[in-house]
Amino acid sequence: MAQAQLGYVFIWVDDVIGAVEFYERTFGITRRTIRENGPLGLYAELETGPTTLAIADTREARAIFPDGFRLNDPAQAPGAFQVTFVTPD
């Protein structure tokens, strides 16, 4: 049986463009796509090697998780989630 590989890491944010620009500026990650996803808001993908970093509007999260979820809020303690980038420097 073939081993499964991690394909996507999703982050839902209120400001997709701002998040994409942060990852581009801070880590030099290349933008693959940003597109309008109808009533779900903007959706973006960034090239990070074999795993894609996907950034989507919180409207999409509300549709996917109709029973609720905890928004990412810098004023609150972080959720139990981590995205780690390894760079040469």
N, C-alpha and C. Protein backbone atom coordinates (compact mmCIF):
# COMPACT_ATOMS: atom_id res chain seq x y z
N MET A 1 0.84 -1.18 0.00
CA MET A 1 0.00 0.00 0.00
C MET A 1 0.89 1.25 0.00
N ALA A 2 0.53 2.22 -0.83
CA ALA A 2 1.29 3.47 -0.89
C ALA A 2 1.08 4.29 0.38
N GLN A 3 2.14 4.93 0.83
CA GLN A 3 2.06 5.77 2.03
C GLN A 3 1.37 7.09 1.67
N ALA A 4 0.48 7.54 2.53
CA ALA A 4 -0.21 8.81 2.32
C ALA A 4 0.78 9.96 2.54
N GLN A 5 0.55 11.05 1.82
CA GLN A 5 1.38 12.24 1.96
C GLN A 5 0.50 13.42 2.33
N LEU A 6 1.03 14.31 3.13
CA LEU A 6 0.32 15.52 3.49
C LEU A 6 0.24 16.41 2.26
N GLY A 7 -0.97 16.76 1.85
CA GLY A 7 -1.16 17.54 0.63
C GLY A 7 -1.42 19.01 0.85
N TYR A 8 -2.21 19.34 1.88
CA TYR A 8 -2.60 20.73 2.13
C TYR A 8 -2.59 21.01 3.62
N VAL A 9 -2.24 22.23 3.97
CA VAL A 9 -2.46 22.79 5.30
C VAL A 9 -3.33 24.02 5.06
N PHE A 10 -4.50 24.08 5.71
CA PHE A 10 -5.43 25.18 5.53
C PHE A 10 -5.37 26.14 6.71
N ILE A 11 -5.44 27.42 6.39
CA ILE A 11 -5.58 28.47 7.40
C ILE A 11 -6.75 29.33 6.96
N TRP A 12 -7.73 29.53 7.85
CA TRP A 12 -8.87 30.39 7.54
C TRP A 12 -8.66 31.73 8.24
N VAL A 13 -8.75 32.80 7.46
CA VAL A 13 -8.46 34.15 7.97
C VAL A 13 -9.51 35.14 7.47
N ASP A 14 -9.56 36.29 8.12
CA ASP A 14 -10.45 37.36 7.67
C ASP A 14 -9.84 38.15 6.51
N ASP A 15 -8.51 38.17 6.39
CA ASP A 15 -7.83 38.95 5.35
C ASP A 15 -6.90 38.04 4.56
N VAL A 16 -7.43 37.41 3.52
CA VAL A 16 -6.66 36.46 2.71
C VAL A 16 -5.48 37.15 2.04
N ILE A 17 -5.71 38.30 1.41
CA ILE A 17 -4.64 39.02 0.71
C ILE A 17 -3.52 39.38 1.69
N GLY A 18 -3.87 39.90 2.85
CA GLY A 18 -2.87 40.26 3.85
C GLY A 18 -2.07 39.05 4.32
N ALA A 19 -2.73 37.91 4.50
CA ALA A 19 -2.03 36.70 4.93
C ALA A 19 -1.08 36.22 3.84
N VAL A 20 -1.53 36.22 2.61
CA VAL A 20 -0.68 35.79 1.49
C VAL A 20 0.55 36.69 1.40
N GLU A 21 0.33 38.00 1.46
CA GLU A 21 1.44 38.94 1.38
C GLU A 21 2.42 38.75 2.54
N PHE A 22 1.92 38.43 3.74
CA PHE A 22 2.79 38.15 4.88
C PHE A 22 3.70 36.96 4.59
N TYR A 23 3.14 35.84 4.13
CA TYR A 23 3.95 34.64 3.86
C TYR A 23 4.92 34.87 2.71
N GLU A 24 4.51 35.65 1.70
CA GLU A 24 5.41 35.97 0.60
C GLU A 24 6.60 36.81 1.09
N ARG A 25 6.29 37.86 1.83
CA ARG A 25 7.30 38.80 2.30
C ARG A 25 8.22 38.17 3.36
N THR A 26 7.63 37.45 4.29
CA THR A 26 8.39 36.93 5.42
C THR A 26 9.20 35.69 5.08
N PHE A 27 8.65 34.79 4.28
CA PHE A 27 9.31 33.52 4.00
C PHE A 27 9.71 33.34 2.54
N GLY A 28 9.39 34.30 1.68
CA GLY A 28 9.74 34.18 0.27
C GLY A 28 8.96 33.10 -0.44
N ILE A 29 7.79 32.74 0.06
CA ILE A 29 6.96 31.70 -0.54
C ILE A 29 6.26 32.27 -1.77
N THR A 30 6.16 31.46 -2.81
CA THR A 30 5.55 31.89 -4.07
C THR A 30 4.06 31.61 -4.08
N ARG A 31 3.32 32.60 -4.49
CA ARG A 31 1.87 32.49 -4.64
C ARG A 31 1.55 31.63 -5.85
N ARG A 32 0.74 30.61 -5.67
CA ARG A 32 0.29 29.79 -6.79
C ARG A 32 -0.98 30.39 -7.39
N THR A 33 -1.94 30.74 -6.53
CA THR A 33 -3.21 31.27 -7.02
C THR A 33 -3.92 32.03 -5.91
N ILE A 34 -4.67 33.03 -6.31
CA ILE A 34 -5.68 33.66 -5.46
C ILE A 34 -6.90 33.79 -6.35
N ARG A 35 -8.03 33.31 -5.84
CA ARG A 35 -9.25 33.40 -6.66
C ARG A 35 -10.46 33.64 -5.77
N GLU A 36 -11.46 34.20 -6.38
CA GLU A 36 -12.74 34.40 -5.71
C GLU A 36 -13.45 33.06 -5.69
N ASN A 37 -13.97 32.71 -4.54
CA ASN A 37 -14.66 31.43 -4.36
C ASN A 37 -16.14 31.68 -4.08
N GLY A 38 -16.73 32.56 -4.86
CA GLY A 38 -18.16 32.88 -4.72
C GLY A 38 -18.49 33.37 -3.32
N PRO A 39 -19.58 32.88 -2.75
CA PRO A 39 -20.01 33.34 -1.44
C PRO A 39 -19.06 32.92 -0.30
N LEU A 40 -18.10 32.06 -0.61
CA LEU A 40 -17.14 31.61 0.41
C LEU A 40 -15.95 32.54 0.52
N GLY A 41 -15.87 33.57 -0.33
CA GLY A 41 -14.78 34.55 -0.24
C GLY A 41 -13.55 34.12 -1.03
N LEU A 42 -12.43 34.75 -0.72
CA LEU A 42 -11.19 34.48 -1.43
C LEU A 42 -10.56 33.16 -0.98
N TYR A 43 -9.83 32.54 -1.92
CA TYR A 43 -9.10 31.31 -1.65
C TYR A 43 -7.73 31.46 -2.30
N ALA A 44 -6.67 31.11 -1.58
CA ALA A 44 -5.32 31.23 -2.10
C ALA A 44 -4.53 29.96 -1.83
N GLU A 45 -3.56 29.69 -2.70
CA GLU A 45 -2.62 28.61 -2.48
C GLU A 45 -1.21 29.16 -2.65
N LEU A 46 -0.30 28.69 -1.79
CA LEU A 46 1.10 29.08 -1.84
C LEU A 46 1.96 27.83 -2.04
N GLU A 47 3.00 27.96 -2.86
CA GLU A 47 3.92 26.85 -3.12
C GLU A 47 4.85 26.68 -1.93
N THR A 48 4.86 25.51 -1.34
CA THR A 48 5.75 25.25 -0.20
C THR A 48 6.44 23.90 -0.35
N GLY A 49 6.58 23.43 -1.58
CA GLY A 49 7.15 22.10 -1.80
C GLY A 49 6.03 21.10 -1.97
N PRO A 50 6.15 19.90 -1.41
CA PRO A 50 5.14 18.87 -1.64
C PRO A 50 3.81 19.14 -0.94
N THR A 51 3.78 20.05 0.02
CA THR A 51 2.55 20.38 0.72
C THR A 51 2.15 21.81 0.38
N THR A 52 0.89 22.02 0.04
CA THR A 52 0.38 23.34 -0.31
C THR A 52 -0.16 24.03 0.93
N LEU A 53 0.22 25.29 1.11
CA LEU A 53 -0.38 26.11 2.15
C LEU A 53 -1.58 26.81 1.54
N ALA A 54 -2.77 26.49 2.00
CA ALA A 54 -4.01 27.08 1.49
C ALA A 54 -4.53 28.08 2.51
N ILE A 55 -4.91 29.25 2.04
CA ILE A 55 -5.45 30.29 2.90
C ILE A 55 -6.82 30.65 2.35
N ALA A 56 -7.82 30.56 3.21
CA ALA A 56 -9.19 30.80 2.75
C ALA A 56 -9.91 31.73 3.72
N ASP A 57 -10.92 32.39 3.20
CA ASP A 57 -11.75 33.30 3.98
C ASP A 57 -12.51 32.53 5.07
N THR A 58 -12.72 33.18 6.20
CA THR A 58 -13.46 32.53 7.29
C THR A 58 -14.90 32.21 6.88
N ARG A 59 -15.41 32.83 5.80
CA ARG A 59 -16.75 32.47 5.32
C ARG A 59 -16.78 31.00 4.88
N GLU A 60 -15.67 30.52 4.32
CA GLU A 60 -15.59 29.12 3.94
C GLU A 60 -15.64 28.23 5.18
N ALA A 61 -14.91 28.60 6.21
CA ALA A 61 -14.91 27.81 7.46
C ALA A 61 -16.33 27.75 8.05
N ARG A 62 -17.06 28.86 8.00
CA ARG A 62 -18.43 28.86 8.51
C ARG A 62 -19.31 27.88 7.74
N ALA A 63 -19.06 27.74 6.44
CA ALA A 63 -19.83 26.80 5.62
C ALA A 63 -19.43 25.35 5.90
N ILE A 64 -18.14 25.12 6.09
CA ILE A 64 -17.64 23.76 6.33
C ILE A 64 -17.97 23.28 7.74
N PHE A 65 -17.92 24.19 8.71
CA PHE A 65 -18.15 23.84 10.11
C PHE A 65 -19.42 24.53 10.63
N PRO A 66 -20.61 24.12 10.17
CA PRO A 66 -21.84 24.83 10.52
C PRO A 66 -22.16 24.80 12.02
N ASP A 67 -21.58 23.86 12.75
CA ASP A 67 -21.82 23.80 14.19
C ASP A 67 -20.89 24.72 14.97
N GLY A 68 -20.02 25.44 14.26
CA GLY A 68 -19.15 26.42 14.91
C GLY A 68 -17.70 25.98 14.95
N PHE A 69 -16.85 26.96 15.20
CA PHE A 69 -15.41 26.76 15.34
C PHE A 69 -14.85 27.99 16.04
N ARG A 70 -13.61 27.90 16.51
CA ARG A 70 -12.99 29.04 17.19
C ARG A 70 -12.17 29.81 16.17
N LEU A 71 -12.51 31.08 15.98
CA LEU A 71 -11.77 31.95 15.07
C LEU A 71 -10.35 32.17 15.56
N ASN A 72 -9.41 32.34 14.63
CA ASN A 72 -8.06 32.76 15.00
C ASN A 72 -8.13 34.22 15.42
N ASP A 73 -7.73 34.51 16.63
CA ASP A 73 -7.82 35.85 17.18
C ASP A 73 -6.52 36.18 17.90
N PRO A 74 -5.74 37.14 17.36
CA PRO A 74 -4.46 37.46 17.99
C PRO A 74 -4.59 37.93 19.43
N ALA A 75 -5.77 38.38 19.84
CA ALA A 75 -5.97 38.83 21.22
C ALA A 75 -6.20 37.66 22.17
N GLN A 76 -6.39 36.47 21.62
CA GLN A 76 -6.65 35.28 22.44
C GLN A 76 -5.45 34.35 22.41
N ALA A 77 -5.46 33.38 23.30
CA ALA A 77 -4.42 32.35 23.28
C ALA A 77 -4.50 31.58 21.96
N PRO A 78 -3.36 31.12 21.44
CA PRO A 78 -3.39 30.40 20.16
C PRO A 78 -4.05 29.04 20.27
N GLY A 79 -4.57 28.56 19.15
CA GLY A 79 -5.10 27.21 19.09
C GLY A 79 -3.96 26.21 19.08
N ALA A 80 -4.28 24.96 19.24
CA ALA A 80 -3.27 23.91 19.25
C ALA A 80 -2.97 23.50 17.82
N PHE A 81 -2.27 24.37 17.11
CA PHE A 81 -1.97 24.16 15.71
C PHE A 81 -0.65 24.85 15.40
N GLN A 82 0.15 24.23 14.56
CA GLN A 82 1.43 24.84 14.21
C GLN A 82 1.74 24.56 12.75
N VAL A 83 2.26 25.58 12.07
CA VAL A 83 2.81 25.43 10.74
C VAL A 83 4.27 25.83 10.85
N THR A 84 5.19 24.92 10.51
CA THR A 84 6.61 25.18 10.65
C THR A 84 7.26 25.22 9.28
N PHE A 85 8.03 26.27 9.01
CA PHE A 85 8.80 26.37 7.79
C PHE A 85 10.28 26.22 8.14
N VAL A 86 10.99 25.40 7.38
CA VAL A 86 12.41 25.21 7.56
C VAL A 86 13.11 25.94 6.42
N THR A 87 14.03 26.83 6.77
CA THR A 87 14.74 27.61 5.75
C THR A 87 16.25 27.45 5.93
N PRO A 88 17.02 27.72 4.88
CA PRO A 88 18.47 27.57 4.99
C PRO A 88 19.10 28.51 6.02
N ASP A 89 18.47 29.66 6.27
CA ASP A 89 19.05 30.61 7.22
C ASP A 89 18.18 30.70 8.44
